[in-house]
PDB file of N, CA and C in Angstrom:
ATOM      1  N   ASP A   1       0.802  -1.195   0.000  1.00  0.00           N
ATOM      2  CA  ASP A   1       0.000   0.000   0.000  1.00  0.00           C
ATOM      3  C   ASP A   1       0.850   1.266   0.000  1.00  0.00           C
ATOM      4  N   VAL A   2       2.128   1.156   0.376  1.00  0.00           N
ATOM      5  CA  VAL A   2       3.004   2.319   0.405  1.00  0.00           C
ATOM      6  C   VAL A   2       3.077   2.928  -0.991  1.00  0.00           C
ATOM      7  N   GLY A   3       2.909   4.247  -1.053  1.00  0.00           N
ATOM      8  CA  GLY A   3       2.891   4.945  -2.337  1.00  0.00           C
ATOM      9  C   GLY A   3       1.493   5.114  -2.887  1.00  0.00           C
ATOM     10  N   GLY A   4       0.521   4.479  -2.254  1.00  0.00           N
ATOM     11  CA  GLY A   4      -0.860   4.574  -2.711  1.00  0.00           C
ATOM     12  C   GLY A   4      -1.474   5.904  -2.317  1.00  0.00           C
ATOM     13  N   PRO A   5      -2.539   6.286  -3.024  1.00  0.00           N
ATOM     14  CA  PRO A   5      -3.183   7.566  -2.740  1.00  0.00           C
ATOM     15  C   PRO A   5      -4.062   7.514  -1.494  1.00  0.00           C
ATOM     16  N   VAL A   6      -4.149   8.645  -0.812  1.00  0.00           N
ATOM     17  CA  VAL A   6      -5.111   8.846   0.273  1.00  0.00           C
ATOM     18  C   VAL A   6      -6.168   9.787  -0.294  1.00  0.00           C
ATOM     19  N   LEU A   7      -7.407   9.332  -0.324  1.00  0.00           N
ATOM     20  CA  LEU A   7      -8.494  10.136  -0.900  1.00  0.00           C
ATOM     21  C   LEU A   7      -9.281  10.833   0.197  1.00  0.00           C
ATOM     22  N   GLY A   8      -9.685  12.054  -0.091  1.00  0.00           N
ATOM     23  CA  GLY A   8     -10.596  12.776   0.781  1.00  0.00           C
ATOM     24  C   GLY A   8     -12.024  12.366   0.469  1.00  0.00           C
ATOM     25  N   THR A   9     -12.969  12.901   1.197  1.00  0.00           N
ATOM     26  CA  THR A   9     -14.373  12.522   1.017  1.00  0.00           C
ATOM     27  C   THR A   9     -14.946  12.949  -0.331  1.00  0.00           C
ATOM     28  N   THR A  10     -14.276  13.889  -1.030  1.00  0.00           N
ATOM     29  CA  THR A  10     -14.750  14.309  -2.344  1.00  0.00           C
ATOM     30  C   THR A  10     -14.149  13.479  -3.468  1.00  0.00           C
ATOM     31  N   GLY A  11     -13.190  12.596  -3.140  1.00  0.00           N
ATOM     32  CA  GLY A  11     -12.516  11.789  -4.144  1.00  0.00           C
ATOM     33  C   GLY A  11     -11.194  12.376  -4.589  1.00  0.00           C
ATOM     34  N   ALA A  12     -10.840  13.554  -4.103  1.00  0.00           N
ATOM     35  CA  ALA A  12      -9.562  14.174  -4.449  1.00  0.00           C
ATOM     36  C   ALA A  12      -8.429  13.483  -3.684  1.00  0.00           C
ATOM     37  N   VAL A  13      -7.270  13.400  -4.323  1.00  0.00           N
ATOM     38  CA  VAL A  13      -6.090  12.848  -3.651  1.00  0.00           C
ATOM     39  C   VAL A  13      -5.584  13.901  -2.671  1.00  0.00           C
ATOM     40  N   ILE A  14      -5.529  13.524  -1.406  1.00  0.00           N
ATOM     41  CA  ILE A  14      -5.079  14.468  -0.380  1.00  0.00           C
ATOM     42  C   ILE A  14      -3.744  14.060   0.237  1.00  0.00           C
ATOM     43  N   GLY A  15      -3.206  12.930  -0.191  1.00  0.00           N
ATOM     44  CA  GLY A  15      -1.933  12.478   0.348  1.00  0.00           C
ATOM     45  C   GLY A  15      -1.486  11.180  -0.267  1.00  0.00           C
ATOM     46  N   MET A  16      -0.339  10.667   0.242  1.00  0.00           N
ATOM     47  CA  MET A  16       0.240   9.417  -0.227  1.00  0.00           C
ATOM     48  C   MET A  16       0.690   8.614   0.992  1.00  0.00           C
ATOM     49  N   LEU A  17       0.408   7.319   0.974  1.00  0.00           N
ATOM     50  CA  LEU A  17       0.800   6.445   2.069  1.00  0.00           C
ATOM     51  C   LEU A  17       2.316   6.311   2.134  1.00  0.00           C
ATOM     52  N   LEU A  18       2.853   6.354   3.338  1.00  0.00           N
ATOM     53  CA  LEU A  18       4.287   6.213   3.578  1.00  0.00           C
ATOM     54  C   LEU A  18       4.544   5.005   4.457  1.00  0.00           C
ATOM     55  N   PRO A  19       5.757   4.427   4.373  1.00  0.00           N
ATOM     56  CA  PRO A  19       6.088   3.363   5.327  1.00  0.00           C
ATOM     57  C   PRO A  19       6.292   3.969   6.702  1.00  0.00           C
ATOM     58  N   ASP A  20       6.010   3.204   7.730  1.00  0.00           N
ATOM     59  CA  ASP A  20       6.213   3.655   9.101  1.00  0.00           C
ATOM     60  C   ASP A  20       7.688   3.485   9.438  1.00  0.00           C
ATOM     61  N   ALA A  21       8.408   4.574   9.636  1.00  0.00           N
ATOM     62  CA  ALA A  21       9.841   4.534   9.916  1.00  0.00           C
ATOM     63  C   ALA A  21      10.159   3.769  11.197  1.00  0.00           C
ATOM     64  N   HIS A  22       9.208   3.696  12.120  1.00  0.00           N
ATOM     65  CA  HIS A  22       9.433   2.998  13.386  1.00  0.00           C
ATOM     66  C   HIS A  22       9.155   1.505  13.274  1.00  0.00           C
ATOM     67  N   ALA A  23       8.513   1.093  12.192  1.00  0.00           N
ATOM     68  CA  ALA A  23       8.192  -0.325  11.989  1.00  0.00           C
ATOM     69  C   ALA A  23       8.334  -0.657  10.509  1.00  0.00           C
ATOM     70  N   PRO A  24       9.580  -0.670   9.983  1.00  0.00           N
ATOM     71  CA  PRO A  24       9.766  -0.866   8.544  1.00  0.00           C
ATOM     72  C   PRO A  24       9.273  -2.215   8.025  1.00  0.00           C
ATOM     73  N   ASP A  25       9.143  -3.214   8.891  1.00  0.00           N
ATOM     74  CA  ASP A  25       8.671  -4.523   8.460  1.00  0.00           C
ATOM     75  C   ASP A  25       7.158  -4.669   8.575  1.00  0.00           C
ATOM     76  N   LYS A  26       6.475  -3.630   9.046  1.00  0.00           N
ATOM     77  CA  LYS A  26       5.027  -3.659   9.232  1.00  0.00           C
ATOM     78  C   LYS A  26       4.337  -3.775   7.882  1.00  0.00           C
ATOM     79  N   LEU A  27       3.361  -4.650   7.799  1.00  0.00           N
ATOM     80  CA  LEU A  27       2.550  -4.781   6.601  1.00  0.00           C
ATOM     81  C   LEU A  27       1.342  -3.876   6.744  1.00  0.00           C
ATOM     82  N   LEU A  28       1.036  -3.116   5.716  1.00  0.00           N
ATOM     83  CA  LEU A  28      -0.103  -2.210   5.755  1.00  0.00           C
ATOM     84  C   LEU A  28      -1.347  -2.959   5.337  1.00  0.00           C
ATOM     85  N   PRO A  29      -2.539  -2.529   5.653  1.00  0.00           N
ATOM     86  CA  PRO A  29      -2.929  -1.273   6.231  1.00  0.00           C
ATOM     87  C   PRO A  29      -3.144  -1.278   7.736  1.00  0.00           C
ATOM     88  N   GLY A  30      -3.022  -2.364   8.465  1.00  0.00           N
ATOM     89  CA  GLY A  30      -3.312  -2.452   9.889  1.00  0.00           C
ATOM     90  C   GLY A  30      -2.957  -1.224  10.713  1.00  0.00           C
ATOM     91  N   ASP A  31      -3.970  -0.469  11.114  1.00  0.00           N
ATOM     92  CA  ASP A  31      -3.812   0.744  11.921  1.00  0.00           C
ATOM     93  C   ASP A  31      -2.886   1.776  11.278  1.00  0.00           C
ATOM     94  N   LEU A  32      -2.934   1.876   9.979  1.00  0.00           N
ATOM     95  CA  LEU A  32      -2.096   2.823   9.246  1.00  0.00           C
ATOM     96  C   LEU A  32      -2.387   4.254   9.675  1.00  0.00           C
ATOM     97  N   ALA A  33      -1.336   5.008   9.944  1.00  0.00           N
ATOM     98  CA  ALA A  33      -1.504   6.399  10.331  1.00  0.00           C
ATOM     99  C   ALA A  33      -0.411   7.273   9.745  1.00  0.00           C
ATOM    100  N   VAL A  34       0.312   6.778   8.737  1.00  0.00           N
ATOM    101  CA  VAL A  34       1.436   7.502   8.190  1.00  0.00           C
ATOM    102  C   VAL A  34       1.129   7.887   6.743  1.00  0.00           C
ATOM    103  N   ALA A  35       1.100   9.193   6.471  1.00  0.00           N
ATOM    104  CA  ALA A  35       0.859   9.685   5.118  1.00  0.00           C
ATOM    105  C   ALA A  35       1.484  11.065   4.988  1.00  0.00           C
ATOM    106  N   VAL A  36       1.779  11.449   3.758  1.00  0.00           N
ATOM    107  CA  VAL A  36       2.271  12.798   3.488  1.00  0.00           C
ATOM    108  C   VAL A  36       1.142  13.544   2.770  1.00  0.00           C
ATOM    109  N   GLN A  37       0.919  14.792   3.141  1.00  0.00           N
ATOM    110  CA  GLN A  37      -0.143  15.581   2.518  1.00  0.00           C
ATOM    111  C   GLN A  37       0.255  15.975   1.103  1.00  0.00           C
ATOM    112  N   SER A  38      -0.738  16.047   0.222  1.00  0.00           N
ATOM    113  CA  SER A  38      -0.464  16.376  -1.178  1.00  0.00           C
ATOM    114  C   SER A  38       0.204  17.740  -1.334  1.00  0.00           C
ATOM    115  N   ALA A  39      -0.129  18.695  -0.485  1.00  0.00           N
ATOM    116  CA  ALA A  39       0.492  20.017  -0.575  1.00  0.00           C
ATOM    117  C   ALA A  39       1.998  19.939  -0.344  1.00  0.00           C
ATOM    118  N   ALA A  40       2.430  19.008   0.499  1.00  0.00           N
ATOM    119  CA  ALA A  40       3.857  18.843   0.754  1.00  0.00           C
ATOM    120  C   ALA A  40       4.563  18.178  -0.418  1.00  0.00           C
ATOM    121  N   MET A  41       3.827  17.412  -1.221  1.00  0.00           N
ATOM    122  CA  MET A  41       4.415  16.739  -2.383  1.00  0.00           C
ATOM    123  C   MET A  41       4.488  17.642  -3.608  1.00  0.00           C
ATOM    124  N   ALA A  42       3.662  18.664  -3.680  1.00  0.00           N
ATOM    125  CA  ALA A  42       3.541  19.491  -4.883  1.00  0.00           C
ATOM    126  C   ALA A  42       4.870  20.071  -5.364  1.00  0.00           C
ATOM    127  N   PRO A  43       5.720  20.653  -4.500  1.00  0.00           N
ATOM    128  CA  PRO A  43       6.991  21.201  -4.995  1.00  0.00           C
ATOM    129  C   PRO A  43       7.891  20.140  -5.636  1.00  0.00           C
ATOM    130  N   ALA A  44       7.978  18.957  -5.017  1.00  0.00           N
ATOM    131  CA  ALA A  44       8.808  17.888  -5.573  1.00  0.00           C
ATOM    132  C   ALA A  44       8.249  17.405  -6.909  1.00  0.00           C
ATOM    133  N   LEU A  45       6.938  17.323  -7.017  1.00  0.00           N
ATOM    134  CA  LEU A  45       6.320  16.920  -8.280  1.00  0.00           C
ATOM    135  C   LEU A  45       6.581  17.962  -9.367  1.00  0.00           C
ATOM    136  N   ALA A  46       6.449  19.231  -9.017  1.00  0.00           N
ATOM    137  CA  ALA A  46       6.672  20.308  -9.987  1.00  0.00           C
ATOM    138  C   ALA A  46       8.109  20.300 -10.501  1.00  0.00           C
ATOM    139  N   GLU A  47       9.075  20.021  -9.618  1.00  0.00           N
ATOM    140  CA  GLU A  47      10.482  19.948 -10.035  1.00  0.00           C
ATOM    141  C   GLU A  47      10.725  18.841 -11.052  1.00  0.00           C
ATOM    142  N   ARG A  48       9.858  17.841 -11.045  1.00  0.00           N
ATOM    143  CA  ARG A  48      10.004  16.705 -11.950  1.00  0.00           C
ATOM    144  C   ARG A  48       9.056  16.767 -13.143  1.00  0.00           C
ATOM    145  N   GLY A  49       8.451  17.939 -13.349  1.00  0.00           N
ATOM    146  CA  GLY A  49       7.617  18.142 -14.527  1.00  0.00           C
ATOM    147  C   GLY A  49       6.160  17.778 -14.387  1.00  0.00           C
ATOM    148  N   PHE A  50       5.705  17.496 -13.183  1.00  0.00           N
ATOM    149  CA  PHE A  50       4.294  17.192 -12.962  1.00  0.00           C
ATOM    150  C   PHE A  50       3.625  18.408 -12.345  1.00  0.00           C
ATOM    151  N   ALA A  51       2.440  18.714 -12.793  1.00  0.00           N
ATOM    152  CA  ALA A  51       1.723  19.890 -12.282  1.00  0.00           C
ATOM    153  C   ALA A  51       0.390  19.456 -11.684  1.00  0.00           C
ATOM    154  N   PRO A  52       0.376  19.116 -10.392  1.00  0.00           N
ATOM    155  CA  PRO A  52      -0.891  18.727  -9.776  1.00  0.00           C
ATOM    156  C   PRO A  52      -1.860  19.904  -9.746  1.00  0.00           C
ATOM    157  N   LEU A  53      -3.116  19.609  -9.965  1.00  0.00           N
ATOM    158  CA  LEU A  53      -4.156  20.638  -9.966  1.00  0.00           C
ATOM    159  C   LEU A  53      -4.998  20.529  -8.701  1.00  0.00           C
ATOM    160  N   ALA A  54      -5.390  21.651  -8.172  1.00  0.00           N
ATOM    161  CA  ALA A  54      -6.271  21.656  -7.010  1.00  0.00           C
ATOM    162  C   ALA A  54      -7.657  21.193  -7.423  1.00  0.00           C
ATOM    163  N   SER A  55      -8.294  20.451  -6.561  1.00  0.00           N
ATOM    164  CA  SER A  55      -9.643  19.966  -6.831  1.00  0.00           C
ATOM    165  C   SER A  55     -10.659  21.060  -6.518  1.00  0.00           C
ATOM    166  N   ASP A  56     -11.705  21.119  -7.334  1.00  0.00           N
ATOM    167  CA  ASP A  56     -12.795  22.042  -7.040  1.00  0.00           C
ATOM    168  C   ASP A  56     -14.055  21.270  -6.638  1.00  0.00           C
ATOM    169  N   ALA A  57     -13.880  19.967  -6.366  1.00  0.00           N
ATOM    170  CA  ALA A  57     -15.013  19.130  -5.967  1.00  0.00           C
ATOM    171  C   ALA A  57     -15.504  19.530  -4.580  1.00  0.00           C
ATOM    172  N   SER A  58     -16.790  19.354  -4.356  1.00  0.00           N
ATOM    173  CA  SER A  58     -17.364  19.629  -3.045  1.00  0.00           C
ATOM    174  C   SER A  58     -18.389  18.552  -2.718  1.00  0.00           C
ATOM    175  N   GLY A  59     -18.691  18.413  -1.461  1.00  0.00           N
ATOM    176  CA  GLY A  59     -19.656  17.403  -1.029  1.00  0.00           C
ATOM    177  C   GLY A  59     -18.999  16.051  -0.859  1.00  0.00           C
ATOM    178  N   ALA A  60     -19.498  15.276   0.061  1.00  0.00           N
ATOM    179  CA  ALA A  60     -18.943  13.961   0.345  1.00  0.00           C
ATOM    180  C   ALA A  60     -19.552  12.907  -0.574  1.00  0.00           C
ATOM    181  N   LEU A  61     -18.706  11.991  -1.023  1.00  0.00           N
ATOM    182  CA  LEU A  61     -19.159  10.877  -1.848  1.00  0.00           C
ATOM    183  C   LEU A  61     -19.435   9.661  -0.971  1.00  0.00           C
ATOM    184  N   ALA A  62     -20.264   8.765  -1.472  1.00  0.00           N
ATOM    185  CA  ALA A  62     -20.513   7.504  -0.767  1.00  0.00           C
ATOM    186  C   ALA A  62     -19.258   6.652  -0.818  1.00  0.00           C
ATOM    187  N   ALA A  63     -19.086   5.782   0.162  1.00  0.00           N
ATOM    188  CA  ALA A  63     -17.905   4.912   0.233  1.00  0.00           C
ATOM    189  C   ALA A  63     -17.741   4.088  -1.041  1.00  0.00           C
ATOM    190  N   GLU A  64     -18.840   3.639  -1.624  1.00  0.00           N
ATOM    191  CA  GLU A  64     -18.779   2.838  -2.846  1.00  0.00           C
ATOM    192  C   GLU A  64     -18.220   3.658  -4.005  1.00  0.00           C
ATOM    193  N   ASP A  65     -18.585   4.930  -4.068  1.00  0.00           N
ATOM    194  CA  ASP A  65     -18.080   5.805  -5.130  1.00  0.00           C
ATOM    195  C   ASP A  65     -16.595   6.097  -4.938  1.00  0.00           C
ATOM    196  N   LEU A  66     -16.174   6.279  -3.683  1.00  0.00           N
ATOM    197  CA  LEU A  66     -14.748   6.478  -3.404  1.00  0.00           C
ATOM    198  C   LEU A  66     -13.948   5.238  -3.794  1.00  0.00           C
ATOM    199  N   ALA A  67     -14.487   4.065  -3.508  1.00  0.00           N
ATOM    200  CA  ALA A  67     -13.807   2.818  -3.863  1.00  0.00           C
ATOM    201  C   ALA A  67     -13.651   2.695  -5.370  1.00  0.00           C
ATOM    202  N   GLU A  68     -14.653   3.099  -6.117  1.00  0.00           N
ATOM    203  CA  GLU A  68     -14.581   3.045  -7.581  1.00  0.00           C
ATOM    204  C   GLU A  68     -13.513   3.997  -8.110  1.00  0.00           C
ATOM    205  N   ILE A  69     -13.442   5.198  -7.544  1.00  0.00           N
ATOM    206  CA  ILE A  69     -12.408   6.155  -7.942  1.00  0.00           C
ATOM    207  C   ILE A  69     -11.025   5.591  -7.620  1.00  0.00           C
ATOM    208  N   ALA A  70     -10.874   5.007  -6.436  1.00  0.00           N
ATOM    209  CA  ALA A  70      -9.579   4.465  -6.004  1.00  0.00           C
ATOM    210  C   ALA A  70      -9.110   3.346  -6.918  1.00  0.00           C
ATOM    211  N   GLN A  71     -10.028   2.536  -7.423  1.00  0.00           N
ATOM    212  CA  GLN A  71      -9.639   1.445  -8.315  1.00  0.00           C
ATOM    213  C   GLN A  71      -9.008   1.979  -9.597  1.00  0.00           C
ATOM    214  N   GLY A  72      -9.405   3.161 -10.019  1.00  0.00           N
ATOM    215  CA  GLY A  72      -8.827   3.750 -11.218  1.00  0.00           C
ATOM    216  C   GLY A  72      -7.470   4.388 -10.982  1.00  0.00           C
ATOM    217  N   LEU A  73      -7.060   4.528  -9.711  1.00  0.00           N
ATOM    218  CA  LEU A  73      -5.794   5.188  -9.366  1.00  0.00           C
ATOM    219  C   LEU A  73      -4.712   4.215  -8.921  1.00  0.00           C
ATOM    220  N   THR A  74      -5.060   2.971  -8.691  1.00  0.00           N
ATOM    221  CA  THR A  74      -4.106   2.035  -8.099  1.00  0.00           C
ATOM    222  C   THR A  74      -3.982   0.763  -8.919  1.00  0.00           C
ATOM    223  N   VAL A  75      -2.851   0.118  -8.760  1.00  0.00           N
ATOM    224  CA  VAL A  75      -2.632  -1.199  -9.337  1.00  0.00           C
ATOM    225  C   VAL A  75      -1.998  -2.079  -8.280  1.00  0.00           C
ATOM    226  N   GLN A  76      -2.220  -3.377  -8.366  1.00  0.00           N
ATOM    227  CA  GLN A  76      -1.607  -4.300  -7.411  1.00  0.00           C
ATOM    228  C   GLN A  76      -0.280  -4.763  -7.967  1.00  0.00           C
ATOM    229  N   ILE A  77       0.742  -4.685  -7.127  1.00  0.00           N
ATOM    230  CA  ILE A  77       2.056  -5.184  -7.497  1.00  0.00           C
ATOM    231  C   ILE A  77       2.421  -6.264  -6.499  1.00  0.00           C
ATOM    232  N   ALA A  78       2.723  -7.434  -6.991  1.00  0.00           N
ATOM    233  CA  ALA A  78       3.088  -8.542  -6.122  1.00  0.00           C
ATOM    234  C   ALA A  78       4.512  -8.980  -6.434  1.00  0.00           C
ATOM    235  N   CYS A  79       5.266  -9.225  -5.385  1.00  0.00           N
ATOM    236  CA  CYS A  79       6.652  -9.659  -5.536  1.00  0.00           C
ATOM    237  C   CYS A  79       6.819 -11.018  -4.885  1.00  0.00           C
ATOM    238  N   TRP A  80       7.470 -11.922  -5.578  1.00  0.00           N
ATOM    239  CA  TRP A  80       7.738 -13.248  -5.033  1.00  0.00           C
ATOM    240  C   TRP A  80       9.235 -13.484  -5.045  1.00  0.00           C
ATOM    241  N   LYS A  81       9.685 -14.248  -4.061  1.00  0.00           N
ATOM    242  CA  LYS A  81      11.107 -14.608  -3.998  1.00  0.00           C
ATOM    243  C   LYS A  81      11.353 -15.877  -4.786  1.00  0.00           C
TER     244      LYS A  81
END
């Protein structure tokens, strides 16, 4: 889940999941509380040629609608030894 988007109630990306520095072997999402806010990522993204846009969405979406939006933003990556 590390690197995955954190969505707000409107469906806008408001952050990115980070690994817990105090528990690097922890598997997510169990009690996940570590994320970086999108505003903090914007300068680094801009330096690399990406221009994030502010959302103008308002109102809360149903959980099912948020899940549908999230499916379009993420992919599963599996690693085997």
